[in-house]
PDB file of N, CA and C in Angstrom:
ATOM      1  N   MET A   1      -6.374  28.238  39.505  1.00  0.00           N
ATOM      2  CA  MET A   1      -7.120  28.613  40.693  1.00  0.00           C
ATOM      3  C   MET A   1      -8.213  29.630  40.359  1.00  0.00           C
ATOM      4  N   VAL A   2      -7.871  30.613  39.523  1.00  0.00           N
ATOM      5  CA  VAL A   2      -8.841  31.637  39.134  1.00  0.00           C
ATOM      6  C   VAL A   2      -9.995  31.009  38.373  1.00  0.00           C
ATOM      7  N   VAL A   3      -9.680  30.043  37.514  1.00  0.00           N
ATOM      8  CA  VAL A   3     -10.715  29.377  36.720  1.00  0.00           C
ATOM      9  C   VAL A   3     -11.665  28.607  37.635  1.00  0.00           C
ATOM     10  N   ILE A   4     -11.133  27.949  38.628  1.00  0.00           N
ATOM     11  CA  ILE A   4     -11.958  27.185  39.568  1.00  0.00           C
ATOM     12  C   ILE A   4     -12.886  28.124  40.341  1.00  0.00           C
ATOM     13  N   CYS A   5     -12.363  29.237  40.805  1.00  0.00           N
ATOM     14  CA  CYS A   5     -13.187  30.217  41.524  1.00  0.00           C
ATOM     15  C   CYS A   5     -14.278  30.772  40.614  1.00  0.00           C
ATOM     16  N   PHE A   6     -13.930  31.035  39.360  1.00  0.00           N
ATOM     17  CA  PHE A   6     -14.904  31.542  38.399  1.00  0.00           C
ATOM     18  C   PHE A   6     -16.022  30.530  38.184  1.00  0.00           C
ATOM     19  N   LEU A   7     -15.674  29.267  37.997  1.00  0.00           N
ATOM     20  CA  LEU A   7     -16.679  28.236  37.766  1.00  0.00           C
ATOM     21  C   LEU A   7     -17.571  28.018  38.985  1.00  0.00           C
ATOM     22  N   LEU A   8     -16.993  28.139  40.176  1.00  0.00           N
ATOM     23  CA  LEU A   8     -17.789  27.982  41.392  1.00  0.00           C
ATOM     24  C   LEU A   8     -18.731  29.167  41.612  1.00  0.00           C
ATOM     25  N   ALA A   9     -18.333  30.353  41.165  1.00  0.00           N
ATOM     26  CA  ALA A   9     -19.151  31.551  41.351  1.00  0.00           C
ATOM     27  C   ALA A   9     -20.216  31.705  40.265  1.00  0.00           C
ATOM     28  N   LEU A  10     -20.074  31.008  39.158  1.00  0.00           N
ATOM     29  CA  LEU A  10     -20.986  31.167  38.030  1.00  0.00           C
ATOM     30  C   LEU A  10     -22.462  30.977  38.394  1.00  0.00           C
ATOM     31  N   PRO A  11     -22.845  29.940  39.137  1.00  0.00           N
ATOM     32  CA  PRO A  11     -24.265  29.792  39.482  1.00  0.00           C
ATOM     33  C   PRO A  11     -24.807  30.930  40.353  1.00  0.00           C
ATOM     34  N   LEU A  12     -23.941  31.674  41.019  1.00  0.00           N
ATOM     35  CA  LEU A  12     -24.389  32.769  41.867  1.00  0.00           C
ATOM     36  C   LEU A  12     -24.787  34.003  41.060  1.00  0.00           C
ATOM     37  N   VAL A  13     -24.264  34.148  39.852  1.00  0.00           N
ATOM     38  CA  VAL A  13     -24.546  35.340  39.055  1.00  0.00           C
ATOM     39  C   VAL A  13     -25.462  35.074  37.862  1.00  0.00           C
ATOM     40  N   LEU A  14     -25.608  33.835  37.457  1.00  0.00           N
ATOM     41  CA  LEU A  14     -26.466  33.506  36.327  1.00  0.00           C
ATOM     42  C   LEU A  14     -27.915  33.355  36.758  1.00  0.00           C
ATOM     43  N   ALA A  15     -28.825  33.581  35.820  1.00  0.00           N
ATOM     44  CA  ALA A  15     -30.249  33.425  36.093  1.00  0.00           C
ATOM     45  C   ALA A  15     -30.831  32.387  35.149  1.00  0.00           C
ATOM     46  N   GLY A  16     -31.785  31.631  35.664  1.00  0.00           N
ATOM     47  CA  GLY A  16     -32.499  30.655  34.856  1.00  0.00           C
ATOM     48  C   GLY A  16     -33.901  31.150  34.570  1.00  0.00           C
ATOM     49  N   GLU A  17     -34.413  30.788  33.423  1.00  0.00           N
ATOM     50  CA  GLU A  17     -35.763  31.212  33.050  1.00  0.00           C
ATOM     51  C   GLU A  17     -36.764  30.172  33.513  1.00  0.00           C
ATOM     52  N   TYR A  18     -37.796  30.627  34.238  1.00  0.00           N
ATOM     53  CA  TYR A  18     -38.857  29.730  34.694  1.00  0.00           C
ATOM     54  C   TYR A  18     -39.918  29.595  33.607  1.00  0.00           C
ATOM     55  N   ILE A  19     -40.420  30.727  33.115  1.00  0.00           N
ATOM     56  CA  ILE A  19     -41.452  30.710  32.079  1.00  0.00           C
ATOM     57  C   ILE A  19     -41.488  32.065  31.383  1.00  0.00           C
ATOM     58  N   ARG A  20     -41.968  32.064  30.143  1.00  0.00           N
ATOM     59  CA  ARG A  20     -42.117  33.284  29.342  1.00  0.00           C
ATOM     60  C   ARG A  20     -43.572  33.349  28.889  1.00  0.00           C
ATOM     61  N   VAL A  21     -44.199  34.526  29.064  1.00  0.00           N
ATOM     62  CA  VAL A  21     -45.602  34.728  28.704  1.00  0.00           C
ATOM     63  C   VAL A  21     -45.676  35.895  27.722  1.00  0.00           C
ATOM     64  N   THR A  22     -46.359  35.701  26.602  1.00  0.00           N
ATOM     65  CA  THR A  22     -46.484  36.738  25.576  1.00  0.00           C
ATOM     66  C   THR A  22     -47.842  37.416  25.681  1.00  0.00           C
ATOM     67  N   SER A  23     -47.860  38.735  25.463  1.00  0.00           N
ATOM     68  CA  SER A  23     -49.113  39.487  25.492  1.00  0.00           C
ATOM     69  C   SER A  23     -50.003  39.037  24.337  1.00  0.00           C
ATOM     70  N   PRO A  24     -51.319  39.203  24.473  1.00  0.00           N
ATOM     71  CA  PRO A  24     -52.232  38.774  23.405  1.00  0.00           C
ATOM     72  C   PRO A  24     -51.937  39.410  22.048  1.00  0.00           C
ATOM     73  N   ASP A  25     -51.446  40.651  22.035  1.00  0.00           N
ATOM     74  CA  ASP A  25     -51.149  41.317  20.771  1.00  0.00           C
ATOM     75  C   ASP A  25     -49.725  41.050  20.273  1.00  0.00           C
ATOM     76  N   GLY A  26     -48.932  40.344  21.058  1.00  0.00           N
ATOM     77  CA  GLY A  26     -47.578  39.977  20.663  1.00  0.00           C
ATOM     78  C   GLY A  26     -46.546  41.091  20.758  1.00  0.00           C
ATOM     79  N   ARG A  27     -46.933  42.256  21.310  1.00  0.00           N
ATOM     80  CA  ARG A  27     -45.998  43.382  21.394  1.00  0.00           C
ATOM     81  C   ARG A  27     -45.058  43.294  22.591  1.00  0.00           C
ATOM     82  N   PHE A  28     -45.408  42.496  23.580  1.00  0.00           N
ATOM     83  CA  PHE A  28     -44.605  42.386  24.807  1.00  0.00           C
ATOM     84  C   PHE A  28     -44.560  40.932  25.248  1.00  0.00           C
ATOM     85  N   HIS A  29     -43.582  40.636  26.075  1.00  0.00           N
ATOM     86  CA  HIS A  29     -43.576  39.357  26.773  1.00  0.00           C
ATOM     87  C   HIS A  29     -43.021  39.578  28.181  1.00  0.00           C
ATOM     88  N   ALA A  30     -43.428  38.724  29.063  1.00  0.00           N
ATOM     89  CA  ALA A  30     -42.955  38.772  30.448  1.00  0.00           C
ATOM     90  C   ALA A  30     -42.152  37.504  30.708  1.00  0.00           C
ATOM     91  N   VAL A  31     -41.067  37.656  31.437  1.00  0.00           N
ATOM     92  CA  VAL A  31     -40.182  36.538  31.735  1.00  0.00           C
ATOM     93  C   VAL A  31     -39.995  36.445  33.238  1.00  0.00           C
ATOM     94  N   ALA A  32     -40.174  35.257  33.779  1.00  0.00           N
ATOM     95  CA  ALA A  32     -39.893  35.009  35.196  1.00  0.00           C
ATOM     96  C   ALA A  32     -38.537  34.321  35.273  1.00  0.00           C
ATOM     97  N   ILE A  33     -37.614  34.904  36.046  1.00  0.00           N
ATOM     98  CA  ILE A  33     -36.275  34.342  36.191  1.00  0.00           C
ATOM     99  C   ILE A  33     -35.953  34.135  37.670  1.00  0.00           C
ATOM    100  N   TYR A  34     -35.004  33.264  37.914  1.00  0.00           N
ATOM    101  CA  TYR A  34     -34.566  32.979  39.287  1.00  0.00           C
ATOM    102  C   TYR A  34     -33.058  32.767  39.266  1.00  0.00           C
ATOM    103  N   PRO A  35     -32.383  32.997  40.399  1.00  0.00           N
ATOM    104  CA  PRO A  35     -30.935  32.754  40.458  1.00  0.00           C
ATOM    105  C   PRO A  35     -30.633  31.270  40.237  1.00  0.00           C
ATOM    106  N   MET A  36     -29.644  30.975  39.406  1.00  0.00           N
ATOM    107  CA  MET A  36     -29.320  29.585  39.067  1.00  0.00           C
ATOM    108  C   MET A  36     -28.976  28.736  40.287  1.00  0.00           C
ATOM    109  N   TRP A  37     -28.397  29.348  41.307  1.00  0.00           N
ATOM    110  CA  TRP A  37     -28.030  28.541  42.469  1.00  0.00           C
ATOM    111  C   TRP A  37     -29.268  27.960  43.143  1.00  0.00           C
ATOM    112  N   ARG A  38     -30.428  28.560  42.926  1.00  0.00           N
ATOM    113  CA  ARG A  38     -31.672  28.023  43.485  1.00  0.00           C
ATOM    114  C   ARG A  38     -32.021  26.667  42.891  1.00  0.00           C
ATOM    115  N   ALA A  39     -31.552  26.405  41.675  1.00  0.00           N
ATOM    116  CA  ALA A  39     -31.810  25.113  41.033  1.00  0.00           C
ATOM    117  C   ALA A  39     -31.058  23.983  41.737  1.00  0.00           C
ATOM    118  N   LEU A  40     -30.059  24.333  42.539  1.00  0.00           N
ATOM    119  CA  LEU A  40     -29.278  23.325  43.256  1.00  0.00           C
ATOM    120  C   LEU A  40     -29.968  22.862  44.535  1.00  0.00           C
ATOM    121  N   ILE A  41     -30.996  23.587  44.966  1.00  0.00           N
ATOM    122  CA  ILE A  41     -31.721  23.234  46.184  1.00  0.00           C
ATOM    123  C   ILE A  41     -32.824  22.244  45.816  1.00  0.00           C
ATOM    124  N   PRO A  42     -32.822  21.056  46.419  1.00  0.00           N
ATOM    125  CA  PRO A  42     -33.849  20.066  46.084  1.00  0.00           C
ATOM    126  C   PRO A  42     -35.248  20.560  46.466  1.00  0.00           C
ATOM    127  N   MET A  43     -36.213  20.271  45.596  1.00  0.00           N
ATOM    128  CA  MET A  43     -37.601  20.640  45.835  1.00  0.00           C
ATOM    129  C   MET A  43     -38.466  19.443  45.482  1.00  0.00           C
ATOM    130  N   MET A  44     -39.637  19.422  46.031  1.00  0.00           N
ATOM    131  CA  MET A  44     -40.591  18.363  45.713  1.00  0.00           C
ATOM    132  C   MET A  44     -41.107  18.573  44.288  1.00  0.00           C
ATOM    133  N   PRO A  45     -41.500  17.517  43.606  1.00  0.00           N
ATOM    134  CA  PRO A  45     -42.073  17.669  42.268  1.00  0.00           C
ATOM    135  C   PRO A  45     -43.268  18.627  42.293  1.00  0.00           C
ATOM    136  N   GLY A  46     -43.314  19.514  41.318  1.00  0.00           N
ATOM    137  CA  GLY A  46     -44.407  20.471  41.227  1.00  0.00           C
ATOM    138  C   GLY A  46     -44.173  21.755  41.992  1.00  0.00           C
ATOM    139  N   GLN A  47     -43.064  21.864  42.715  1.00  0.00           N
ATOM    140  CA  GLN A  47     -42.804  23.066  43.504  1.00  0.00           C
ATOM    141  C   GLN A  47     -41.683  23.928  42.915  1.00  0.00           C
ATOM    142  N   GLY A  48     -41.349  23.719  41.652  1.00  0.00           N
ATOM    143  CA  GLY A  48     -40.298  24.494  41.014  1.00  0.00           C
ATOM    144  C   GLY A  48     -40.627  25.974  40.933  1.00  0.00           C
ATOM    145  N   GLY A  49     -41.913  26.321  40.889  1.00  0.00           N
ATOM    146  CA  GLY A  49     -42.331  27.717  40.812  1.00  0.00           C
ATOM    147  C   GLY A  49     -42.328  28.430  42.147  1.00  0.00           C
ATOM    148  N   ASP A  50     -41.983  27.725  43.220  1.00  0.00           N
ATOM    149  CA  ASP A  50     -41.963  28.337  44.547  1.00  0.00           C
ATOM    150  C   ASP A  50     -40.673  29.097  44.828  1.00  0.00           C
ATOM    151  N   LYS A  51     -39.747  29.107  43.873  1.00  0.00           N
ATOM    152  CA  LYS A  51     -38.483  29.825  44.059  1.00  0.00           C
ATOM    153  C   LYS A  51     -38.719  31.336  43.992  1.00  0.00           C
ATOM    154  N   PRO A  52     -38.035  32.113  44.810  1.00  0.00           N
ATOM    155  CA  PRO A  52     -38.103  33.570  44.640  1.00  0.00           C
ATOM    156  C   PRO A  52     -37.311  33.975  43.397  1.00  0.00           C
ATOM    157  N   GLY A  53     -37.687  35.092  42.817  1.00  0.00           N
ATOM    158  CA  GLY A  53     -36.990  35.554  41.626  1.00  0.00           C
ATOM    159  C   GLY A  53     -37.477  36.915  41.195  1.00  0.00           C
ATOM    160  N   GLN A  54     -37.539  37.123  39.897  1.00  0.00           N
ATOM    161  CA  GLN A  54     -37.948  38.407  39.343  1.00  0.00           C
ATOM    162  C   GLN A  54     -38.797  38.189  38.105  1.00  0.00           C
ATOM    163  N   VAL A  55     -39.691  39.155  37.845  1.00  0.00           N
ATOM    164  CA  VAL A  55     -40.488  39.160  36.621  1.00  0.00           C
ATOM    165  C   VAL A  55     -40.145  40.438  35.869  1.00  0.00           C
ATOM    166  N   GLU A  56     -39.829  40.287  34.593  1.00  0.00           N
ATOM    167  CA  GLU A  56     -39.483  41.425  33.751  1.00  0.00           C
ATOM    168  C   GLU A  56     -40.389  41.437  32.533  1.00  0.00           C
ATOM    169  N   VAL A  57     -40.914  42.616  32.185  1.00  0.00           N
ATOM    170  CA  VAL A  57     -41.693  42.793  30.965  1.00  0.00           C
ATOM    171  C   VAL A  57     -40.777  43.437  29.934  1.00  0.00           C
ATOM    172  N   VAL A  58     -40.762  42.854  28.727  1.00  0.00           N
ATOM    173  CA  VAL A  58     -39.867  43.297  27.657  1.00  0.00           C
ATOM    174  C   VAL A  58     -40.688  43.526  26.387  1.00  0.00           C
ATOM    175  N   SER A  59     -40.379  44.611  25.669  1.00  0.00           N
ATOM    176  CA  SER A  59     -41.075  44.889  24.405  1.00  0.00           C
ATOM    177  C   SER A  59     -40.551  43.964  23.323  1.00  0.00           C
ATOM    178  N   ALA A  60     -41.278  43.876  22.215  1.00  0.00           N
ATOM    179  CA  ALA A  60     -40.848  43.034  21.094  1.00  0.00           C
ATOM    180  C   ALA A  60     -39.519  43.518  20.526  1.00  0.00           C
ATOM    181  N   ALA A  61     -39.229  44.816  20.688  1.00  0.00           N
ATOM    182  CA  ALA A  61     -37.962  45.377  20.220  1.00  0.00           C
ATOM    183  C   ALA A  61     -36.804  45.064  21.171  1.00  0.00           C
ATOM    184  N   GLY A  62     -37.107  44.508  22.342  1.00  0.00           N
ATOM    185  CA  GLY A  62     -36.066  44.133  23.297  1.00  0.00           C
ATOM    186  C   GLY A  62     -35.848  45.114  24.427  1.00  0.00           C
ATOM    187  N   ALA A  63     -36.654  46.194  24.491  1.00  0.00           N
ATOM    188  CA  ALA A  63     -36.509  47.186  25.566  1.00  0.00           C
ATOM    189  C   ALA A  63     -37.173  46.676  26.840  1.00  0.00           C
ATOM    190  N   SER A  64     -36.463  46.777  27.943  1.00  0.00           N
ATOM    191  CA  SER A  64     -37.019  46.366  29.235  1.00  0.00           C
ATOM    192  C   SER A  64     -37.986  47.422  29.747  1.00  0.00           C
ATOM    193  N   CYS A  65     -39.156  46.967  30.177  1.00  0.00           N
ATOM    194  CA  CYS A  65     -40.158  47.863  30.766  1.00  0.00           C
ATOM    195  C   CYS A  65     -40.120  47.785  32.283  1.00  0.00           C
ATOM    196  N   GLY A  66     -39.122  47.157  32.814  1.00  0.00           N
ATOM    197  CA  GLY A  66     -38.956  47.082  34.265  1.00  0.00           C
ATOM    198  C   GLY A  66     -39.009  45.668  34.786  1.00  0.00           C
ATOM    199  N   ARG A  67     -38.322  45.485  35.893  1.00  0.00           N
ATOM    200  CA  ARG A  67     -38.203  44.184  36.547  1.00  0.00           C
ATOM    201  C   ARG A  67     -38.589  44.351  38.008  1.00  0.00           C
ATOM    202  N   VAL A  68     -39.368  43.411  38.531  1.00  0.00           N
ATOM    203  CA  VAL A  68     -39.765  43.461  39.934  1.00  0.00           C
ATOM    204  C   VAL A  68     -39.448  42.126  40.608  1.00  0.00           C
ATOM    205  N   ALA A  69     -39.126  42.209  41.874  1.00  0.00           N
ATOM    206  CA  ALA A  69     -38.873  41.005  42.666  1.00  0.00           C
ATOM    207  C   ALA A  69     -40.195  40.360  43.043  1.00  0.00           C
ATOM    208  N   VAL A  70     -40.229  39.031  43.005  1.00  0.00           N
ATOM    209  CA  VAL A  70     -41.420  38.282  43.404  1.00  0.00           C
ATOM    210  C   VAL A  70     -41.008  37.200  44.401  1.00  0.00           C
ATOM    211  N   GLU A  71     -41.919  36.885  45.297  1.00  0.00           N
ATOM    212  CA  GLU A  71     -41.634  35.845  46.288  1.00  0.00           C
ATOM    213  C   GLU A  71     -41.599  34.466  45.649  1.00  0.00           C
ATOM    214  N   ARG A  72     -42.428  34.290  44.609  1.00  0.00           N
ATOM    215  CA  ARG A  72     -42.468  33.021  43.876  1.00  0.00           C
ATOM    216  C   ARG A  72     -42.550  33.334  42.387  1.00  0.00           C
ATOM    217  N   VAL A  73     -41.682  32.720  41.589  1.00  0.00           N
ATOM    218  CA  VAL A  73     -41.699  32.992  40.151  1.00  0.00           C
ATOM    219  C   VAL A  73     -43.002  32.544  39.510  1.00  0.00           C
ATOM    220  N   SER A  74     -43.724  31.662  40.151  1.00  0.00           N
ATOM    221  CA  SER A  74     -45.010  31.227  39.611  1.00  0.00           C
ATOM    222  C   SER A  74     -46.054  32.335  39.653  1.00  0.00           C
ATOM    223  N   ALA A  75     -45.751  33.460  40.305  1.00  0.00           N
ATOM    224  CA  ALA A  75     -46.670  34.605  40.330  1.00  0.00           C
ATOM    225  C   ALA A  75     -46.943  35.120  38.926  1.00  0.00           C
ATOM    226  N   ILE A  76     -46.052  34.838  37.982  1.00  0.00           N
ATOM    227  CA  ILE A  76     -46.230  35.290  36.604  1.00  0.00           C
ATOM    228  C   ILE A  76     -47.492  34.682  35.984  1.00  0.00           C
ATOM    229  N   GLN A  77     -47.937  33.571  36.500  1.00  0.00           N
ATOM    230  CA  GLN A  77     -49.138  32.941  35.965  1.00  0.00           C
ATOM    231  C   GLN A  77     -50.388  33.770  36.246  1.00  0.00           C
ATOM    232  N   GLY A  78     -50.289  34.731  37.163  1.00  0.00           N
ATOM    233  CA  GLY A  78     -51.392  35.635  37.448  1.00  0.00           C
ATOM    234  C   GLY A  78     -51.309  36.932  36.654  1.00  0.00           C
ATOM    235  N   LEU A  79     -50.364  37.025  35.716  1.00  0.00           N
ATOM    236  CA  LEU A  79     -50.199  38.240  34.925  1.00  0.00           C
ATOM    237  C   LEU A  79     -51.401  38.450  34.021  1.00  0.00           C
ATOM    238  N   GLU A  80     -51.941  39.674  34.053  1.00  0.00           N
ATOM    239  CA  GLU A  80     -53.077  40.031  33.209  1.00  0.00           C
ATOM    240  C   GLU A  80     -52.674  41.178  32.302  1.00  0.00           C
ATOM    241  N   TRP A  81     -53.023  41.069  31.029  1.00  0.00           N
ATOM    242  CA  TRP A  81     -52.737  42.100  30.036  1.00  0.00           C
ATOM    243  C   TRP A  81     -54.021  42.880  29.785  1.00  0.00           C
ATOM    244  N   HIS A  82     -53.970  44.218  29.928  1.00  0.00           N
ATOM    245  CA  HIS A  82     -55.129  45.088  29.714  1.00  0.00           C
ATOM    246  C   HIS A  82     -54.718  46.233  28.794  1.00  0.00           C
ATOM    247  N   GLY A  83     -54.768  46.046  27.486  1.00  0.00           N
ATOM    248  CA  GLY A  83     -54.401  47.110  26.551  1.00  0.00           C
ATOM    249  C   GLY A  83     -52.973  47.571  26.749  1.00  0.00           C
ATOM    250  N   ASP A  84     -52.808  48.806  27.249  1.00  0.00           N
ATOM    251  CA  ASP A  84     -51.478  49.369  27.494  1.00  0.00           C
ATOM    252  C   ASP A  84     -51.050  49.218  28.944  1.00  0.00           C
ATOM    253  N   ARG A  85     -51.494  48.134  29.580  1.00  0.00           N
ATOM    254  CA  ARG A  85     -51.179  47.903  30.984  1.00  0.00           C
ATOM    255  C   ARG A  85     -51.033  46.410  31.218  1.00  0.00           C
ATOM    256  N   ALA A  86     -50.115  46.045  32.090  1.00  0.00           N
ATOM    257  CA  ALA A  86     -49.966  44.655  32.529  1.00  0.00           C
ATOM    258  C   ALA A  86     -49.913  44.675  34.049  1.00  0.00           C
ATOM    259  N   GLU A  87     -50.462  43.640  34.663  1.00  0.00           N
ATOM    260  CA  GLU A  87     -50.540  43.646  36.123  1.00  0.00           C
ATOM    261  C   GLU A  87     -50.469  42.233  36.685  1.00  0.00           C
ATOM    262  N   ILE A  88     -49.697  42.114  37.750  1.00  0.00           N
ATOM    263  CA  ILE A  88     -49.761  40.936  38.616  1.00  0.00           C
ATOM    264  C   ILE A  88     -50.350  41.479  39.912  1.00  0.00           C
ATOM    265  N   ARG A  89     -51.579  41.123  40.188  1.00  0.00           N
ATOM    266  CA  ARG A  89     -52.274  41.686  41.344  1.00  0.00           C
ATOM    267  C   ARG A  89     -51.481  41.503  42.626  1.00  0.00           C
ATOM    268  N   LEU A  90     -51.468  42.569  43.405  1.00  0.00           N
ATOM    269  CA  LEU A  90     -50.776  42.636  44.691  1.00  0.00           C
ATOM    270  C   LEU A  90     -49.255  42.514  44.566  1.00  0.00           C
ATOM    271  N   VAL A  91     -48.737  42.613  43.335  1.00  0.00           N
ATOM    272  CA  VAL A  91     -47.290  42.542  43.142  1.00  0.00           C
ATOM    273  C   VAL A  91     -46.787  43.765  42.401  1.00  0.00           C
ATOM    274  N   ALA A  92     -47.235  43.968  41.153  1.00  0.00           N
ATOM    275  CA  ALA A  92     -46.730  45.083  40.345  1.00  0.00           C
ATOM    276  C   ALA A  92     -47.661  45.401  39.192  1.00  0.00           C
ATOM    277  N   GLU A  93     -47.469  46.614  38.645  1.00  0.00           N
ATOM    278  CA  GLU A  93     -48.220  47.052  37.474  1.00  0.00           C
ATOM    279  C   GLU A  93     -47.261  47.760  36.516  1.00  0.00           C
ATOM    280  N   TRP A  94     -47.386  47.472  35.223  1.00  0.00           N
ATOM    281  CA  TRP A  94     -46.544  48.070  34.191  1.00  0.00           C
ATOM    282  C   TRP A  94     -47.383  48.956  33.283  1.00  0.00           C
ATOM    283  N   ASP A  95     -46.849  50.121  32.954  1.00  0.00           N
ATOM    284  CA  ASP A  95     -47.426  51.016  31.956  1.00  0.00           C
ATOM    285  C   ASP A  95     -46.721  50.678  30.648  1.00  0.00           C
ATOM    286  N   LEU A  96     -47.399  49.967  29.760  1.00  0.00           N
ATOM    287  CA  LEU A  96     -46.772  49.495  28.536  1.00  0.00           C
ATOM    288  C   LEU A  96     -46.602  50.612  27.509  1.00  0.00           C
ATOM    289  N   ALA A  97     -47.458  51.631  27.551  1.00  0.00           N
ATOM    290  CA  ALA A  97     -47.342  52.756  26.612  1.00  0.00           C
ATOM    291  C   ALA A  97     -46.034  53.509  26.836  1.00  0.00           C
ATOM    292  N   ASN A  98     -45.625  53.633  28.103  1.00  0.00           N
ATOM    293  CA  ASN A  98     -44.376  54.325  28.443  1.00  0.00           C
ATOM    294  C   ASN A  98     -43.262  53.355  28.813  1.00  0.00           C
ATOM    295  N   CYS A  99     -43.543  52.064  28.737  1.00  0.00           N
ATOM    296  CA  CYS A  99     -42.580  50.998  28.997  1.00  0.00           C
ATOM    297  C   CYS A  99     -41.874  51.186  30.339  1.00  0.00           C
ATOM    298  N   ARG A 100     -42.662  51.148  31.432  1.00  0.00           N
ATOM    299  CA  ARG A 100     -42.079  51.302  32.769  1.00  0.00           C
ATOM    300  C   ARG A 100     -42.982  50.670  33.819  1.00  0.00           C
ATOM    301  N   VAL A 101     -42.399  50.362  34.959  1.00  0.00           N
ATOM    302  CA  VAL A 101     -43.168  49.871  36.118  1.00  0.00           C
ATOM    303  C   VAL A 101     -43.758  51.094  36.800  1.00  0.00           C
ATOM    304  N   VAL A 102     -45.059  51.072  37.071  1.00  0.00           N
ATOM    305  CA  VAL A 102     -45.691  52.229  37.711  1.00  0.00           C
ATOM    306  C   VAL A 102     -46.046  51.973  39.162  1.00  0.00           C
ATOM    307  N   ALA A 103     -46.171  50.717  39.537  1.00  0.00           N
ATOM    308  CA  ALA A 103     -46.524  50.440  40.935  1.00  0.00           C
ATOM    309  C   ALA A 103     -46.003  49.070  41.349  1.00  0.00           C
ATOM    310  N   THR A 104     -45.459  49.005  42.528  1.00  0.00           N
ATOM    311  CA  THR A 104     -45.089  47.739  43.138  1.00  0.00           C
ATOM    312  C   THR A 104     -45.679  47.711  44.535  1.00  0.00           C
ATOM    313  N   ARG A 105     -46.059  46.563  44.956  1.00  0.00           N
ATOM    314  CA  ARG A 105     -46.695  46.461  46.276  1.00  0.00           C
ATOM    315  C   ARG A 105     -45.867  45.645  47.209  1.00  0.00           C
TER     316      ARG A 105
END
């Protein structure tokens, strides 16, 4: 019984990766993730990026520079890298020199 409950709860706690974007200098990458249970909801072809989720910027060493919630994981496609800064306009901004989120909207 415990095993069955565990298997049924697994999609509620796991996350799936939508896309990974690497900075031009290769020092950071951003990952858009969504809850796995969202994959169980049927969507029209081409609308897989409309799922809500989170975007996280991670250093090459594996340190998280912060994670922000997004209405659509496809928002990561608007990520812009500017030297020691990364930004998704109207969503969030990361200070890469200090490896942290500095603004969320």
